[in-house]
Amino acid sequence: LARDFPVQLDWLPYDLDLADFMGSARVDDTGRVL
């Protein structure tokens, strides 16, 4: 967008609470659910 148009990109962080809507899980290197 900044390459193709005269715009300024204002980058900001937004801290997602993924566990709130996707649940949570932990897996090992093989993909086995711990």
Full PDB file with SEQRES, HELIX, SHEET, SSBOND, CRYST1, ORIGX, SCALE, CONECT and MASTER records, all heavy atoms in Angstrom:
SEQRES   1 A   34  LEU ALA ARG ASP PHE PRO VAL GLN LEU ASP TRP LEU PRO          
SEQRES   2 A   34  TYR ASP LEU ASP LEU ALA ASP PHE MET GLY SER ALA ARG          
SEQRES   3 A   34  VAL ASP ASP THR GLY ARG VAL LEU                              
HELIX    1 AA1 LEU A   18  MET A   22  1                                   5    
CRYST1    1.000    1.000    1.000  90.00  90.00  90.00 P 1           1          
ORIGX1      1.000000  0.000000  0.000000        0.00000                         
ORIGX2      0.000000  1.000000  0.000000        0.00000                         
ORIGX3      0.000000  0.000000  1.000000        0.00000                         
SCALE1      1.000000  0.000000  0.000000        0.00000                         
SCALE2      0.000000  1.000000  0.000000        0.00000                         
SCALE3      0.000000  0.000000  1.000000        0.00000                         
ATOM      1  N   LEU A   1       0.843  -1.205   0.000  1.00  0.00           N  
ATOM      2  CA  LEU A   1       0.000   0.000   0.000  1.00  0.00           C  
ATOM      3  C   LEU A   1       0.876   1.252   0.000  1.00  0.00           C  
ATOM      4  O   LEU A   1       0.619   2.211  -0.732  1.00  0.00           O  
ATOM      5  CB  LEU A   1      -0.919   0.012   1.221  1.00  0.00           C  
ATOM      6  CG  LEU A   1      -2.012  -1.043   1.310  1.00  0.00           C  
ATOM      7  CD1 LEU A   1      -2.769  -0.884   2.626  1.00  0.00           C  
ATOM      8  CD2 LEU A   1      -2.976  -0.956   0.135  1.00  0.00           C  
ATOM      9  N   ALA A   2       1.915   1.231   0.856  1.00  0.00           N  
ATOM     10  CA  ALA A   2       2.806   2.381   0.936  1.00  0.00           C  
ATOM     11  C   ALA A   2       3.654   2.523  -0.320  1.00  0.00           C  
ATOM     12  O   ALA A   2       4.090   3.628  -0.664  1.00  0.00           O  
ATOM     13  CB  ALA A   2       3.694   2.263   2.168  1.00  0.00           C  
ATOM     14  N   ARG A   3       3.894   1.412  -0.996  1.00  0.00           N  
ATOM     15  CA  ARG A   3       4.649   1.461  -2.253  1.00  0.00           C  
ATOM     16  C   ARG A   3       3.806   2.061  -3.375  1.00  0.00           C  
ATOM     17  O   ARG A   3       4.318   2.816  -4.213  1.00  0.00           O  
ATOM     18  CB  ARG A   3       5.089   0.041  -2.641  1.00  0.00           C  
ATOM     19  CG  ARG A   3       5.887  -0.067  -3.927  1.00  0.00           C  
ATOM     20  CD  ARG A   3       5.922  -1.493  -4.426  1.00  0.00           C  
ATOM     21  NE  ARG A   3       4.587  -1.939  -4.867  1.00  0.00           N  
ATOM     22  CZ  ARG A   3       4.293  -3.203  -5.157  1.00  0.00           C  
ATOM     23  NH1 ARG A   3       5.203  -4.154  -5.008  1.00  0.00           N  
ATOM     24  NH2 ARG A   3       3.065  -3.510  -5.555  1.00  0.00           N  
ATOM     25  N   ASP A   4       2.526   1.744  -3.385  1.00  0.00           N  
ATOM     26  CA  ASP A   4       1.674   2.094  -4.525  1.00  0.00           C  
ATOM     27  C   ASP A   4       0.864   3.376  -4.340  1.00  0.00           C  
ATOM     28  O   ASP A   4       0.330   3.904  -5.315  1.00  0.00           O  
ATOM     29  CB  ASP A   4       0.712   0.939  -4.817  1.00  0.00           C  
ATOM     30  CG  ASP A   4       1.447  -0.336  -5.218  1.00  0.00           C  
ATOM     31  OD1 ASP A   4       2.604  -0.242  -5.656  1.00  0.00           O  
ATOM     32  OD2 ASP A   4       0.844  -1.427  -5.084  1.00  0.00           O  
ATOM     33  N   PHE A   5       0.755   3.848  -3.089  1.00  0.00           N  
ATOM     34  CA  PHE A   5      -0.063   5.035  -2.816  1.00  0.00           C  
ATOM     35  C   PHE A   5       0.681   5.965  -1.867  1.00  0.00           C  
ATOM     36  O   PHE A   5       1.540   5.522  -1.093  1.00  0.00           O  
ATOM     37  CB  PHE A   5      -1.402   4.639  -2.188  1.00  0.00           C  
ATOM     38  CG  PHE A   5      -2.264   3.743  -3.041  1.00  0.00           C  
ATOM     39  CD1 PHE A   5      -2.219   2.364  -2.884  1.00  0.00           C  
ATOM     40  CD2 PHE A   5      -3.110   4.279  -4.000  1.00  0.00           C  
ATOM     41  CE1 PHE A   5      -3.017   1.537  -3.667  1.00  0.00           C  
ATOM     42  CE2 PHE A   5      -3.903   3.470  -4.786  1.00  0.00           C  
ATOM     43  CZ  PHE A   5      -3.853   2.093  -4.619  1.00  0.00           C  
ATOM     44  N   PRO A   6       0.341   7.249  -1.881  1.00  0.00           N  
ATOM     45  CA  PRO A   6       0.947   8.191  -0.937  1.00  0.00           C  
ATOM     46  C   PRO A   6       0.293   8.067   0.439  1.00  0.00           C  
ATOM     47  O   PRO A   6      -0.529   8.903   0.836  1.00  0.00           O  
ATOM     48  CB  PRO A   6       0.679   9.553  -1.582  1.00  0.00           C  
ATOM     49  CG  PRO A   6      -0.596   9.355  -2.345  1.00  0.00           C  
ATOM     50  CD  PRO A   6      -0.548   7.938  -2.853  1.00  0.00           C  
ATOM     51  N   VAL A   7       0.639   6.996   1.138  1.00  0.00           N  
ATOM     52  CA  VAL A   7       0.050   6.759   2.452  1.00  0.00           C  
ATOM     53  C   VAL A   7       1.151   6.519   3.481  1.00  0.00           C  
ATOM     54  O   VAL A   7       2.265   6.106   3.149  1.00  0.00           O  
ATOM     55  CB  VAL A   7      -0.913   5.546   2.453  1.00  0.00           C  
ATOM     56  CG1 VAL A   7      -2.081   5.771   1.522  1.00  0.00           C  
ATOM     57  CG2 VAL A   7      -0.187   4.263   2.134  1.00  0.00           C  
ATOM     58  N   GLN A   8       0.801   6.759   4.721  1.00  0.00           N  
ATOM     59  CA  GLN A   8       1.655   6.459   5.856  1.00  0.00           C  
ATOM     60  C   GLN A   8       1.034   5.283   6.604  1.00  0.00           C  
ATOM     61  O   GLN A   8      -0.146   5.312   6.959  1.00  0.00           O  
ATOM     62  CB  GLN A   8       1.742   7.673   6.793  1.00  0.00           C  
ATOM     63  CG  GLN A   8       2.582   7.439   8.038  1.00  0.00           C  
ATOM     64  CD  GLN A   8       4.059   7.351   7.743  1.00  0.00           C  
ATOM     65  OE1 GLN A   8       4.563   8.074   6.894  1.00  0.00           O  
ATOM     66  NE2 GLN A   8       4.749   6.459   8.424  1.00  0.00           N  
ATOM     67  N   LEU A   9       1.811   4.223   6.799  1.00  0.00           N  
ATOM     68  CA  LEU A   9       1.330   3.072   7.566  1.00  0.00           C  
ATOM     69  C   LEU A   9       1.638   3.295   9.044  1.00  0.00           C  
ATOM     70  O   LEU A   9       2.788   3.549   9.411  1.00  0.00           O  
ATOM     71  CB  LEU A   9       1.998   1.785   7.090  1.00  0.00           C  
ATOM     72  CG  LEU A   9       1.783   1.382   5.634  1.00  0.00           C  
ATOM     73  CD1 LEU A   9       2.532   0.089   5.323  1.00  0.00           C  
ATOM     74  CD2 LEU A   9       0.306   1.228   5.312  1.00  0.00           C  
ATOM     75  N   ASP A  10       0.621   3.199   9.861  1.00  0.00           N  
ATOM     76  CA  ASP A  10       0.775   3.348  11.302  1.00  0.00           C  
ATOM     77  C   ASP A  10       0.604   1.971  11.941  1.00  0.00           C  
ATOM     78  O   ASP A  10      -0.518   1.504  12.168  1.00  0.00           O  
ATOM     79  CB  ASP A  10      -0.271   4.333  11.849  1.00  0.00           C  
ATOM     80  CG  ASP A  10      -0.113   4.589  13.333  1.00  0.00           C  
ATOM     81  OD1 ASP A  10       0.985   4.318  13.872  1.00  0.00           O  
ATOM     82  OD2 ASP A  10      -1.072   5.076  13.961  1.00  0.00           O  
ATOM     83  N   TRP A  11       1.739   1.297  12.206  1.00  0.00           N  
ATOM     84  CA  TRP A  11       1.714  -0.062  12.737  1.00  0.00           C  
ATOM     85  C   TRP A  11       1.489  -0.023  14.240  1.00  0.00           C  
ATOM     86  O   TRP A  11       2.196   0.669  14.970  1.00  0.00           O  
ATOM     87  CB  TRP A  11       3.033  -0.774  12.449  1.00  0.00           C  
ATOM     88  CG  TRP A  11       3.296  -0.987  10.994  1.00  0.00           C  
ATOM     89  CD1 TRP A  11       3.908  -0.138  10.126  1.00  0.00           C  
ATOM     90  CD2 TRP A  11       2.936  -2.144  10.232  1.00  0.00           C  
ATOM     91  NE1 TRP A  11       3.961  -0.684   8.867  1.00  0.00           N  
ATOM     92  CE2 TRP A  11       3.374  -1.919   8.902  1.00  0.00           C  
ATOM     93  CE3 TRP A  11       2.297  -3.346  10.541  1.00  0.00           C  
ATOM     94  CZ2 TRP A  11       3.189  -2.852   7.885  1.00  0.00           C  
ATOM     95  CZ3 TRP A  11       2.118  -4.282   9.532  1.00  0.00           C  
ATOM     96  CH2 TRP A  11       2.557  -4.032   8.226  1.00  0.00           C  
ATOM     97  N   LEU A  12       0.511  -0.801  14.707  1.00  0.00           N  
ATOM     98  CA  LEU A  12       0.205  -0.865  16.126  1.00  0.00           C  
ATOM     99  C   LEU A  12      -0.064  -2.318  16.535  1.00  0.00           C  
ATOM    100  O   LEU A  12      -0.607  -3.101  15.749  1.00  0.00           O  
ATOM    101  CB  LEU A  12      -1.024  -0.010  16.456  1.00  0.00           C  
ATOM    102  CG  LEU A  12      -0.842   1.507  16.355  1.00  0.00           C  
ATOM    103  CD1 LEU A  12      -2.188   2.202  16.509  1.00  0.00           C  
ATOM    104  CD2 LEU A  12       0.144   2.014  17.398  1.00  0.00           C  
ATOM    105  N   PRO A  13       0.307  -2.669  17.761  1.00  0.00           N  
ATOM    106  CA  PRO A  13       0.032  -4.028  18.232  1.00  0.00           C  
ATOM    107  C   PRO A  13      -1.366  -4.146  18.809  1.00  0.00           C  
ATOM    108  O   PRO A  13      -1.902  -3.196  19.386  1.00  0.00           O  
ATOM    109  CB  PRO A  13       1.085  -4.222  19.331  1.00  0.00           C  
ATOM    110  CG  PRO A  13       1.288  -2.845  19.888  1.00  0.00           C  
ATOM    111  CD  PRO A  13       1.097  -1.883  18.725  1.00  0.00           C  
ATOM    112  N   TYR A  14      -1.949  -5.337  18.626  1.00  0.00           N  
ATOM    113  CA  TYR A  14      -3.190  -5.660  19.314  1.00  0.00           C  
ATOM    114  C   TYR A  14      -3.010  -7.056  19.908  1.00  0.00           C  
ATOM    115  O   TYR A  14      -2.775  -8.028  19.182  1.00  0.00           O  
ATOM    116  CB  TYR A  14      -4.394  -5.640  18.377  1.00  0.00           C  
ATOM    117  CG  TYR A  14      -5.683  -5.960  19.109  1.00  0.00           C  
ATOM    118  CD1 TYR A  14      -6.215  -5.054  20.021  1.00  0.00           C  
ATOM    119  CD2 TYR A  14      -6.328  -7.179  18.931  1.00  0.00           C  
ATOM    120  CE1 TYR A  14      -7.360  -5.346  20.729  1.00  0.00           C  
ATOM    121  CE2 TYR A  14      -7.483  -7.484  19.635  1.00  0.00           C  
ATOM    122  CZ  TYR A  14      -7.998  -6.561  20.544  1.00  0.00           C  
ATOM    123  OH  TYR A  14      -9.135  -6.866  21.260  1.00  0.00           O  
ATOM    124  N   ASP A  15      -3.084  -7.151  21.213  1.00  0.00           N  
ATOM    125  CA  ASP A  15      -2.810  -8.391  21.941  1.00  0.00           C  
ATOM    126  C   ASP A  15      -4.040  -9.291  21.923  1.00  0.00           C  
ATOM    127  O   ASP A  15      -4.982  -9.084  22.681  1.00  0.00           O  
ATOM    128  CB  ASP A  15      -2.392  -8.054  23.382  1.00  0.00           C  
ATOM    129  CG  ASP A  15      -1.979  -9.285  24.164  1.00  0.00           C  
ATOM    130  OD1 ASP A  15      -1.619 -10.304  23.537  1.00  0.00           O  
ATOM    131  OD2 ASP A  15      -1.994  -9.220  25.412  1.00  0.00           O  
ATOM    132  N   LEU A  16      -4.003 -10.285  21.047  1.00  0.00           N  
ATOM    133  CA  LEU A  16      -5.134 -11.207  20.909  1.00  0.00           C  
ATOM    134  C   LEU A  16      -5.248 -12.146  22.103  1.00  0.00           C  
ATOM    135  O   LEU A  16      -4.246 -12.686  22.568  1.00  0.00           O  
ATOM    136  CB  LEU A  16      -4.965 -12.068  19.651  1.00  0.00           C  
ATOM    137  CG  LEU A  16      -5.139 -11.408  18.289  1.00  0.00           C  
ATOM    138  CD1 LEU A  16      -4.734 -12.398  17.196  1.00  0.00           C  
ATOM    139  CD2 LEU A  16      -6.572 -10.967  18.091  1.00  0.00           C  
ATOM    140  N   ASP A  17      -6.449 -12.377  22.555  1.00  0.00           N  
ATOM    141  CA  ASP A  17      -6.718 -13.408  23.561  1.00  0.00           C  
ATOM    142  C   ASP A  17      -7.226 -14.634  22.806  1.00  0.00           C  
ATOM    143  O   ASP A  17      -8.424 -14.894  22.727  1.00  0.00           O  
ATOM    144  CB  ASP A  17      -7.749 -12.912  24.576  1.00  0.00           C  
ATOM    145  CG  ASP A  17      -7.985 -13.917  25.695  1.00  0.00           C  
ATOM    146  OD1 ASP A  17      -7.354 -14.997  25.676  1.00  0.00           O  
ATOM    147  OD2 ASP A  17      -8.815 -13.627  26.571  1.00  0.00           O  
ATOM    148  N   LEU A  18      -6.287 -15.390  22.221  1.00  0.00           N  
ATOM    149  CA  LEU A  18      -6.672 -16.519  21.374  1.00  0.00           C  
ATOM    150  C   LEU A  18      -7.425 -17.592  22.137  1.00  0.00           C  
ATOM    151  O   LEU A  18      -8.345 -18.218  21.610  1.00  0.00           O  
ATOM    152  CB  LEU A  18      -5.431 -17.122  20.711  1.00  0.00           C  
ATOM    153  CG  LEU A  18      -4.744 -16.270  19.647  1.00  0.00           C  
ATOM    154  CD1 LEU A  18      -3.503 -16.984  19.123  1.00  0.00           C  
ATOM    155  CD2 LEU A  18      -5.698 -15.967  18.502  1.00  0.00           C  
ATOM    156  N   ALA A  19      -7.019 -17.824  23.379  1.00  0.00           N  
ATOM    157  CA  ALA A  19      -7.674 -18.878  24.154  1.00  0.00           C  
ATOM    158  C   ALA A  19      -9.147 -18.576  24.383  1.00  0.00           C  
ATOM    159  O   ALA A  19      -9.952 -19.485  24.580  1.00  0.00           O  
ATOM    160  CB  ALA A  19      -6.960 -19.065  25.494  1.00  0.00           C  
ATOM    161  N   ASP A  20      -9.510 -17.303  24.321  1.00  0.00           N  
ATOM    162  CA  ASP A  20     -10.888 -16.910  24.588  1.00  0.00           C  
ATOM    163  C   ASP A  20     -11.843 -17.449  23.521  1.00  0.00           C  
ATOM    164  O   ASP A  20     -12.985 -17.803  23.827  1.00  0.00           O  
ATOM    165  CB  ASP A  20     -10.981 -15.381  24.661  1.00  0.00           C  
ATOM    166  CG  ASP A  20     -12.364 -14.902  25.042  1.00  0.00           C  
ATOM    167  OD1 ASP A  20     -12.910 -15.408  26.042  1.00  0.00           O  
ATOM    168  OD2 ASP A  20     -12.905 -14.036  24.338  1.00  0.00           O  
ATOM    169  N   PHE A  21     -11.370 -17.502  22.255  1.00  0.00           N  
ATOM    170  CA  PHE A  21     -12.283 -17.959  21.209  1.00  0.00           C  
ATOM    171  C   PHE A  21     -11.788 -19.174  20.442  1.00  0.00           C  
ATOM    172  O   PHE A  21     -12.546 -19.782  19.700  1.00  0.00           O  
ATOM    173  CB  PHE A  21     -12.589 -16.811  20.223  1.00  0.00           C  
ATOM    174  CG  PHE A  21     -11.418 -16.302  19.452  1.00  0.00           C  
ATOM    175  CD1 PHE A  21     -11.151 -16.764  18.179  1.00  0.00           C  
ATOM    176  CD2 PHE A  21     -10.597 -15.337  19.990  1.00  0.00           C  
ATOM    177  CE1 PHE A  21     -10.064 -16.280  17.469  1.00  0.00           C  
ATOM    178  CE2 PHE A  21      -9.514 -14.843  19.281  1.00  0.00           C  
ATOM    179  CZ  PHE A  21      -9.251 -15.312  18.016  1.00  0.00           C  
ATOM    180  N   MET A  22     -10.508 -19.563  20.642  1.00  0.00           N  
ATOM    181  CA  MET A  22      -9.980 -20.741  19.957  1.00  0.00           C  
ATOM    182  C   MET A  22      -9.641 -21.874  20.921  1.00  0.00           C  
ATOM    183  O   MET A  22      -9.207 -22.936  20.497  1.00  0.00           O  
ATOM    184  CB  MET A  22      -8.722 -20.373  19.166  1.00  0.00           C  
ATOM    185  CG  MET A  22      -8.948 -19.335  18.084  1.00  0.00           C  
ATOM    186  SD  MET A  22      -9.875 -19.976  16.681  1.00  0.00           S  
ATOM    187  CE  MET A  22      -8.560 -20.709  15.719  1.00  0.00           C  
ATOM    188  N   GLY A  23      -9.825 -21.631  22.227  1.00  0.00           N  
ATOM    189  CA  GLY A  23      -9.395 -22.623  23.194  1.00  0.00           C  
ATOM    190  C   GLY A  23      -7.879 -22.627  23.295  1.00  0.00           C  
ATOM    191  O   GLY A  23      -7.186 -21.866  22.628  1.00  0.00           O  
ATOM    192  N   SER A  24      -7.343 -23.503  24.131  1.00  0.00           N  
ATOM    193  CA  SER A  24      -5.890 -23.578  24.282  1.00  0.00           C  
ATOM    194  C   SER A  24      -5.449 -25.036  24.212  1.00  0.00           C  
ATOM    195  O   SER A  24      -6.212 -25.958  24.512  1.00  0.00           O  
ATOM    196  CB  SER A  24      -5.439 -22.962  25.612  1.00  0.00           C  
ATOM    197  OG  SER A  24      -5.982 -23.688  26.711  1.00  0.00           O  
ATOM    198  N   ALA A  25      -4.194 -25.221  23.804  1.00  0.00           N  
ATOM    199  CA  ALA A  25      -3.626 -26.554  23.728  1.00  0.00           C  
ATOM    200  C   ALA A  25      -2.112 -26.435  23.699  1.00  0.00           C  
ATOM    201  O   ALA A  25      -1.560 -25.397  23.342  1.00  0.00           O  
ATOM    202  CB  ALA A  25      -4.116 -27.291  22.480  1.00  0.00           C  
ATOM    203  N   ARG A  26      -1.449 -27.538  24.054  1.00  0.00           N  
ATOM    204  CA  ARG A  26       0.009 -27.610  23.968  1.00  0.00           C  
ATOM    205  C   ARG A  26       0.371 -28.953  23.368  1.00  0.00           C  
ATOM    206  O   ARG A  26      -0.154 -29.992  23.781  1.00  0.00           O  
ATOM    207  CB  ARG A  26       0.631 -27.440  25.359  1.00  0.00           C  
ATOM    208  CG  ARG A  26       2.151 -27.322  25.365  1.00  0.00           C  
ATOM    209  CD  ARG A  26       2.651 -26.817  26.722  1.00  0.00           C  
ATOM    210  NE  ARG A  26       2.324 -27.763  27.775  1.00  0.00           N  
ATOM    211  CZ  ARG A  26       3.121 -28.790  28.133  1.00  0.00           C  
ATOM    212  NH1 ARG A  26       4.261 -29.016  27.502  1.00  0.00           N  
ATOM    213  NH2 ARG A  26       2.749 -29.593  29.107  1.00  0.00           N  
ATOM    214  N   VAL A  27       1.250 -28.917  22.354  1.00  0.00           N  
ATOM    215  CA  VAL A  27       1.653 -30.148  21.676  1.00  0.00           C  
ATOM    216  C   VAL A  27       3.168 -30.246  21.676  1.00  0.00           C  
ATOM    217  O   VAL A  27       3.884 -29.259  21.877  1.00  0.00           O  
ATOM    218  CB  VAL A  27       1.126 -30.187  20.222  1.00  0.00           C  
ATOM    219  CG1 VAL A  27      -0.388 -30.095  20.194  1.00  0.00           C  
ATOM    220  CG2 VAL A  27       1.743 -29.075  19.383  1.00  0.00           C  
ATOM    221  N   ASP A  28       3.682 -31.486  21.424  1.00  0.00           N  
ATOM    222  CA  ASP A  28       5.131 -31.651  21.339  1.00  0.00           C  
ATOM    223  C   ASP A  28       5.592 -31.507  19.896  1.00  0.00           C  
ATOM    224  O   ASP A  28       4.805 -31.143  19.004  1.00  0.00           O  
ATOM    225  CB  ASP A  28       5.567 -33.000  21.939  1.00  0.00           C  
ATOM    226  CG  ASP A  28       4.979 -34.200  21.201  1.00  0.00           C  
ATOM    227  OD1 ASP A  28       4.534 -34.042  20.031  1.00  0.00           O  
ATOM    228  OD2 ASP A  28       4.969 -35.302  21.770  1.00  0.00           O  
ATOM    229  N   ASP A  29       6.873 -31.798  19.636  1.00  0.00           N  
ATOM    230  CA  ASP A  29       7.434 -31.606  18.294  1.00  0.00           C  
ATOM    231  C   ASP A  29       6.806 -32.512  17.246  1.00  0.00           C  
ATOM    232  O   ASP A  29       6.864 -32.224  16.050  1.00  0.00           O  
ATOM    233  CB  ASP A  29       8.947 -31.845  18.312  1.00  0.00           C  
ATOM    234  CG  ASP A  29       9.689 -30.734  19.045  1.00  0.00           C  
ATOM    235  OD1 ASP A  29       9.123 -29.631  19.145  1.00  0.00           O  
ATOM    236  OD2 ASP A  29      10.815 -30.974  19.514  1.00  0.00           O  
ATOM    237  N   THR A  30       6.190 -33.599  17.681  1.00  0.00           N  
ATOM    238  CA  THR A  30       5.570 -34.535  16.733  1.00  0.00           C  
ATOM    239  C   THR A  30       4.104 -34.204  16.485  1.00  0.00           C  
ATOM    240  O   THR A  30       3.455 -34.848  15.654  1.00  0.00           O  
ATOM    241  CB  THR A  30       5.682 -35.985  17.245  1.00  0.00           C  
ATOM    242  OG1 THR A  30       4.852 -36.139  18.413  1.00  0.00           O  
ATOM    243  CG2 THR A  30       7.126 -36.344  17.584  1.00  0.00           C  
ATOM    244  N   GLY A  31       3.575 -33.235  17.223  1.00  0.00           N  
ATOM    245  CA  GLY A  31       2.165 -32.895  17.092  1.00  0.00           C  
ATOM    246  C   GLY A  31       1.281 -33.604  18.093  1.00  0.00           C  
ATOM    247  O   GLY A  31       0.055 -33.430  18.082  1.00  0.00           O  
ATOM    248  N   ARG A  32       1.871 -34.429  18.989  1.00  0.00           N  
ATOM    249  CA  ARG A  32       1.087 -35.131  19.999  1.00  0.00           C  
ATOM    250  C   ARG A  32       0.574 -34.139  21.027  1.00  0.00           C  
ATOM    251  O   ARG A  32       1.320 -33.312  21.534  1.00  0.00           O  
ATOM    252  CB  ARG A  32       1.940 -36.200  20.679  1.00  0.00           C  
ATOM    253  CG  ARG A  32       1.195 -37.041  21.721  1.00  0.00           C  
ATOM    254  CD  ARG A  32       2.061 -38.195  22.180  1.00  0.00           C  
ATOM    255  NE  ARG A  32       3.277 -37.732  22.804  1.00  0.00           N  
ATOM    256  CZ  ARG A  32       3.416 -37.513  24.117  1.00  0.00           C  
ATOM    257  NH1 ARG A  32       2.395 -37.719  24.941  1.00  0.00           N  
ATOM    258  NH2 ARG A  32       4.571 -37.097  24.613  1.00  0.00           N  
ATOM    259  N   VAL A  33      -0.719 -34.209  21.327  1.00  0.00           N  
ATOM    260  CA  VAL A  33      -1.333 -33.268  22.258  1.00  0.00           C  
ATOM    261  C   VAL A  33      -0.925 -33.613  23.682  1.00  0.00           C  
ATOM    262  O   VAL A  33      -1.154 -34.726  24.162  1.00  0.00           O  
ATOM    263  CB  VAL A  33      -2.872 -33.288  22.122  1.00  0.00           C  
ATOM    264  CG1 VAL A  33      -3.493 -32.355  23.151  1.00  0.00           C  
ATOM    265  CG2 VAL A  33      -3.284 -32.884  20.713  1.00  0.00           C  
ATOM    266  N   LEU A  34      -0.333 -32.651  24.373  1.00  0.00           N  
ATOM    267  CA  LEU A  34       0.076 -32.842  25.756  1.00  0.00           C  
ATOM    268  C   LEU A  34      -1.007 -32.389  26.718  1.00  0.00           C  
ATOM    269  O   LEU A  34      -1.199 -32.987  27.776  1.00  0.00           O  
ATOM    270  CB  LEU A  34       1.373 -32.077  26.026  1.00  0.00           C  
ATOM    271  CG  LEU A  34       2.570 -32.457  25.136  1.00  0.00           C  
ATOM    272  CD1 LEU A  34       3.766 -31.572  25.462  1.00  0.00           C  
ATOM    273  CD2 LEU A  34       2.923 -33.930  25.308  1.00  0.00           C  
TER     274      LEU A  34                                                      
MASTER        0    0    0    1    0    0    0    6  273    1    0    3          
END                                                                             
